């Protein structure tokens, strides 16, 4: 049971890492869109 829970936690962590890597990869490929998105967010928060 304990081993199963640890395995589940490990798989969850691995999925999270894959997700983060995918976001990083997307960020590299679409860095201009990423910068634009941040500008919009930043502008929105500065205005309000």
PDB file of N, CA and C in Angstrom:
ATOM      1  N   UNK A   1       0.831  -1.201   0.000  1.00  0.00           N
ATOM      2  CA  UNK A   1       0.000   0.000   0.000  1.00  0.00           C
ATOM      3  C   UNK A   1       0.871   1.259   0.000  1.00  0.00           C
ATOM      4  N   UNK A   2       1.830   1.268   0.916  1.00  0.00           N
ATOM      5  CA  UNK A   2       2.721   2.421   1.025  1.00  0.00           C
ATOM      6  C   UNK A   2       3.538   2.593  -0.269  1.00  0.00           C
ATOM      7  N   UNK A   3       4.013   1.483  -0.794  1.00  0.00           N
ATOM      8  CA  UNK A   3       4.794   1.502  -2.029  1.00  0.00           C
ATOM      9  C   UNK A   3       3.939   2.016  -3.190  1.00  0.00           C
ATOM     10  N   UNK A   4       2.668   1.582  -3.212  1.00  0.00           N
ATOM     11  CA  UNK A   4       1.737   2.017  -4.242  1.00  0.00           C
ATOM     12  C   UNK A   4       1.537   3.535  -4.191  1.00  0.00           C
ATOM     13  N   UNK A   5       1.365   4.044  -2.966  1.00  0.00           N
ATOM     14  CA  UNK A   5       1.181   5.485  -2.766  1.00  0.00           C
ATOM     15  C   UNK A   5       2.422   6.261  -3.221  1.00  0.00           C
ATOM     16  N   UNK A   6       3.602   5.737  -2.886  1.00  0.00           N
ATOM     17  CA  UNK A   6       4.854   6.378  -3.306  1.00  0.00           C
ATOM     18  C   UNK A   6       4.992   6.379  -4.826  1.00  0.00           C
ATOM     19  N   UNK A   7       4.617   5.260  -5.442  1.00  0.00           N
ATOM     20  CA  UNK A   7       4.678   5.147  -6.898  1.00  0.00           C
ATOM     21  C   UNK A   7       3.749   6.164  -7.546  1.00  0.00           C
ATOM     22  N   UNK A   8       2.556   6.308  -6.960  1.00  0.00           N
ATOM     23  CA  UNK A   8       1.569   7.265  -7.466  1.00  0.00           C
ATOM     24  C   UNK A   8       2.105   8.693  -7.373  1.00  0.00           C
ATOM     25  N   UNK A   9       2.716   8.998  -6.227  1.00  0.00           N
ATOM     26  CA  UNK A   9       3.311  10.329  -6.018  1.00  0.00           C
ATOM     27  C   UNK A   9       4.426  10.596  -7.041  1.00  0.00           C
ATOM     28  N   UNK A  10       5.240   9.577  -7.286  1.00  0.00           N
ATOM     29  CA  UNK A  10       6.336   9.695  -8.250  1.00  0.00           C
ATOM     30  C   UNK A  10       5.788   9.960  -9.643  1.00  0.00           C
ATOM     31  N   UNK A  11       4.741   9.225 -10.027  1.00  0.00           N
ATOM     32  CA  UNK A  11       4.137   9.398 -11.344  1.00  0.00           C
ATOM     33  C   UNK A  11       3.522  10.786 -11.488  1.00  0.00           C
ATOM     34  N   UNK A  12       2.896  11.263 -10.421  1.00  0.00           N
ATOM     35  CA  UNK A  12       2.319  12.612 -10.426  1.00  0.00           C
ATOM     36  C   UNK A  12       3.414  13.654 -10.615  1.00  0.00           C
ATOM     37  N   UNK A  13       4.525  13.489  -9.899  1.00  0.00           N
ATOM     38  CA  UNK A  13       5.653  14.412  -9.998  1.00  0.00           C
ATOM     39  C   UNK A  13       6.225  14.398 -11.418  1.00  0.00           C
ATOM     40  N   UNK A  14       6.311  13.195 -11.996  1.00  0.00           N
ATOM     41  CA  UNK A  14       6.841  13.052 -13.345  1.00  0.00           C
ATOM     42  C   UNK A  14       5.922  13.746 -14.355  1.00  0.00           C
ATOM     43  N   UNK A  15       4.614  13.578 -14.186  1.00  0.00           N
ATOM     44  CA  UNK A  15       3.634  14.233 -15.062  1.00  0.00           C
ATOM     45  C   UNK A  15       3.752  15.748 -14.961  1.00  0.00           C
ATOM     46  N   UNK A  16       3.941  16.236 -13.724  1.00  0.00           N
ATOM     47  CA  UNK A  16       4.097  17.670 -13.498  1.00  0.00           C
ATOM     48  C   UNK A  16       5.345  18.187 -14.213  1.00  0.00           C
ATOM     49  N   UNK A  17       6.451  17.430 -14.089  1.00  0.00           N
ATOM     50  CA  UNK A  17       7.694  17.822 -14.748  1.00  0.00           C
ATOM     51  C   UNK A  17       7.532  17.850 -16.264  1.00  0.00           C
ATOM     52  N   UNK A  18       6.831  16.849 -16.803  1.00  0.00           N
ATOM     53  CA  UNK A  18       6.577  16.802 -18.250  1.00  0.00           C
ATOM     54  C   UNK A  18       5.768  18.036 -18.652  1.00  0.00           C
ATOM     55  N   UNK A  19       4.770  18.378 -17.839  1.00  0.00           N
ATOM     56  CA  UNK A  19       3.944  19.550 -18.090  1.00  0.00           C
ATOM     57  C   UNK A  19       4.767  20.832 -18.109  1.00  0.00           C
ATOM     58  N   UNK A  20       5.648  20.966 -17.108  1.00  0.00           N
ATOM     59  CA  UNK A  20       6.518  22.142 -17.017  1.00  0.00           C
ATOM     60  C   UNK A  20       7.441  22.215 -18.235  1.00  0.00           C
ATOM     61  N   UNK A  21       8.007  21.067 -18.626  1.00  0.00           N
ATOM     62  CA  UNK A  21       8.897  21.027 -19.788  1.00  0.00           C
ATOM     63  C   UNK A  21       8.156  21.411 -21.066  1.00  0.00           C
ATOM     64  N   UNK A  22       6.905  20.972 -21.177  1.00  0.00           N
ATOM     65  CA  UNK A  22       6.097  21.314 -22.349  1.00  0.00           C
ATOM     66  C   UNK A  22       5.835  22.812 -22.406  1.00  0.00           C
ATOM     67  N   UNK A  23       5.530  23.405 -21.237  1.00  0.00           N
ATOM     68  CA  UNK A  23       5.302  24.847 -21.164  1.00  0.00           C
ATOM     69  C   UNK A  23       6.581  25.603 -21.541  1.00  0.00           C
ATOM     70  N   UNK A  24       7.724  25.131 -21.035  1.00  0.00           N
ATOM     71  CA  UNK A  24       9.014  25.750 -21.353  1.00  0.00           C
ATOM     72  C   UNK A  24       9.309  25.650 -22.847  1.00  0.00           C
ATOM     73  N   UNK A  25       9.019  24.486 -23.430  1.00  0.00           N
ATOM     74  CA  UNK A  25       9.230  24.270 -24.853  1.00  0.00           C
ATOM     75  C   UNK A  25       8.344  25.211 -25.661  1.00  0.00           C
ATOM     76  N   UNK A  26       7.074  25.328 -25.249  1.00  0.00           N
ATOM     77  CA  UNK A  26       6.129  26.223 -25.920  1.00  0.00           C
ATOM     78  C   UNK A  26       6.629  27.664 -25.803  1.00  0.00           C
ATOM     79  N   UNK A  27       7.145  28.003 -24.612  1.00  0.00           N
ATOM     80  CA  UNK A  27       7.665  29.347 -24.369  1.00  0.00           C
ATOM     81  C   UNK A  27       8.838  29.681 -25.286  1.00  0.00           C
ATOM     82  N   UNK A  28       9.702  28.692 -25.534  1.00  0.00           N
ATOM     83  CA  UNK A  28      10.855  28.896 -26.422  1.00  0.00           C
ATOM     84  C   UNK A  28      10.396  29.084 -27.856  1.00  0.00           C
ATOM     85  N   UNK A  29       9.424  28.269 -28.267  1.00  0.00           N
ATOM     86  CA  UNK A  29       8.938  28.323 -29.646  1.00  0.00           C
ATOM     87  C   UNK A  29       8.101  29.565 -29.910  1.00  0.00           C
ATOM     88  N   UNK A  30       7.388  30.027 -28.870  1.00  0.00           N
ATOM     89  CA  UNK A  30       6.482  31.162 -29.044  1.00  0.00           C
ATOM     90  C   UNK A  30       6.823  32.299 -28.088  1.00  0.00           C
ATOM     91  N   UNK A  31       8.122  32.575 -27.949  1.00  0.00           N
ATOM     92  CA  UNK A  31       8.547  33.574 -26.969  1.00  0.00           C
ATOM     93  C   UNK A  31       7.969  34.961 -27.235  1.00  0.00           C
ATOM     94  N   UNK A  32       7.734  35.321 -28.488  1.00  0.00           N
ATOM     95  CA  UNK A  32       7.146  36.622 -28.782  1.00  0.00           C
ATOM     96  C   UNK A  32       5.715  36.705 -28.273  1.00  0.00           C
ATOM     97  N   UNK A  33       4.948  35.638 -28.483  1.00  0.00           N
ATOM     98  CA  UNK A  33       3.578  35.583 -27.982  1.00  0.00           C
ATOM     99  C   UNK A  33       3.587  35.612 -26.449  1.00  0.00           C
ATOM    100  N   UNK A  34       4.571  34.926 -25.870  1.00  0.00           N
ATOM    101  CA  UNK A  34       4.722  34.857 -24.419  1.00  0.00           C
ATOM    102  C   UNK A  34       4.983  36.252 -23.842  1.00  0.00           C
ATOM    103  N   UNK A  35       5.887  36.998 -24.475  1.00  0.00           N
ATOM    104  CA  UNK A  35       6.220  38.360 -24.044  1.00  0.00           C
ATOM    105  C   UNK A  35       4.994  39.264 -24.182  1.00  0.00           C
ATOM    106  N   UNK A  36       4.284  39.124 -25.298  1.00  0.00           N
ATOM    107  CA  UNK A  36       3.084  39.919 -25.536  1.00  0.00           C
ATOM    108  C   UNK A  36       2.035  39.646 -24.465  1.00  0.00           C
ATOM    109  N   UNK A  37       1.865  38.374 -24.119  1.00  0.00           N
ATOM    110  CA  UNK A  37       0.911  37.972 -23.091  1.00  0.00           C
ATOM    111  C   UNK A  37       1.261  38.627 -21.755  1.00  0.00           C
ATOM    112  N   UNK A  38       2.553  38.617 -21.412  1.00  0.00           N
ATOM    113  CA  UNK A  38       2.992  39.237 -20.167  1.00  0.00           C
ATOM    114  C   UNK A  38       2.764  40.737 -20.176  1.00  0.00           C
ATOM    115  N   UNK A  39       2.978  41.360 -21.335  1.00  0.00           N
ATOM    116  CA  UNK A  39       2.748  42.809 -21.454  1.00  0.00           C
ATOM    117  C   UNK A  39       1.290  43.138 -21.202  1.00  0.00           C
ATOM    118  N   UNK A  40       0.401  42.343 -21.782  1.00  0.00           N
ATOM    119  CA  UNK A  40      -1.036  42.551 -21.609  1.00  0.00           C
ATOM    120  C   UNK A  40      -1.422  42.422 -20.133  1.00  0.00           C
ATOM    121  N   UNK A  41      -0.912  41.361 -19.472  1.00  0.00           N
ATOM    122  CA  UNK A  41      -1.193  41.137 -18.053  1.00  0.00           C
ATOM    123  C   UNK A  41      -0.647  42.291 -17.211  1.00  0.00           C
ATOM    124  N   UNK A  42       0.596  42.673 -17.486  1.00  0.00           N
ATOM    125  CA  UNK A  42       1.260  43.746 -16.759  1.00  0.00           C
ATOM    126  C   UNK A  42       0.499  45.068 -16.926  1.00  0.00           C
ATOM    127  N   UNK A  43       0.127  45.368 -18.160  1.00  0.00           N
ATOM    128  CA  UNK A  43      -0.625  46.589 -18.474  1.00  0.00           C
ATOM    129  C   UNK A  43      -1.955  46.601 -17.730  1.00  0.00           C
ATOM    130  N   UNK A  44      -2.644  45.454 -17.774  1.00  0.00           N
ATOM    131  CA  UNK A  44      -3.942  45.323 -17.119  1.00  0.00           C
ATOM    132  C   UNK A  44      -3.836  45.589 -15.621  1.00  0.00           C
ATOM    133  N   UNK A  45      -2.815  44.996 -14.976  1.00  0.00           N
ATOM    134  CA  UNK A  45      -2.649  45.164 -13.534  1.00  0.00           C
ATOM    135  C   UNK A  45      -2.194  46.573 -13.169  1.00  0.00           C
ATOM    136  N   UNK A  46      -1.412  47.198 -14.020  1.00  0.00           N
ATOM    137  CA  UNK A  46      -0.941  48.550 -13.730  1.00  0.00           C
ATOM    138  C   UNK A  46      -2.070  49.567 -13.875  1.00  0.00           C
ATOM    139  N   UNK A  47      -2.999  49.279 -14.764  1.00  0.00           N
ATOM    140  CA  UNK A  47      -4.127  50.190 -14.982  1.00  0.00           C
ATOM    141  C   UNK A  47      -5.158  50.106 -13.860  1.00  0.00           C
ATOM    142  N   UNK A  48      -5.255  48.954 -13.208  1.00  0.00           N
ATOM    143  CA  UNK A  48      -6.295  48.767 -12.183  1.00  0.00           C
ATOM    144  C   UNK A  48      -5.757  48.882 -10.761  1.00  0.00           C
TER     145      UNK A  48
END
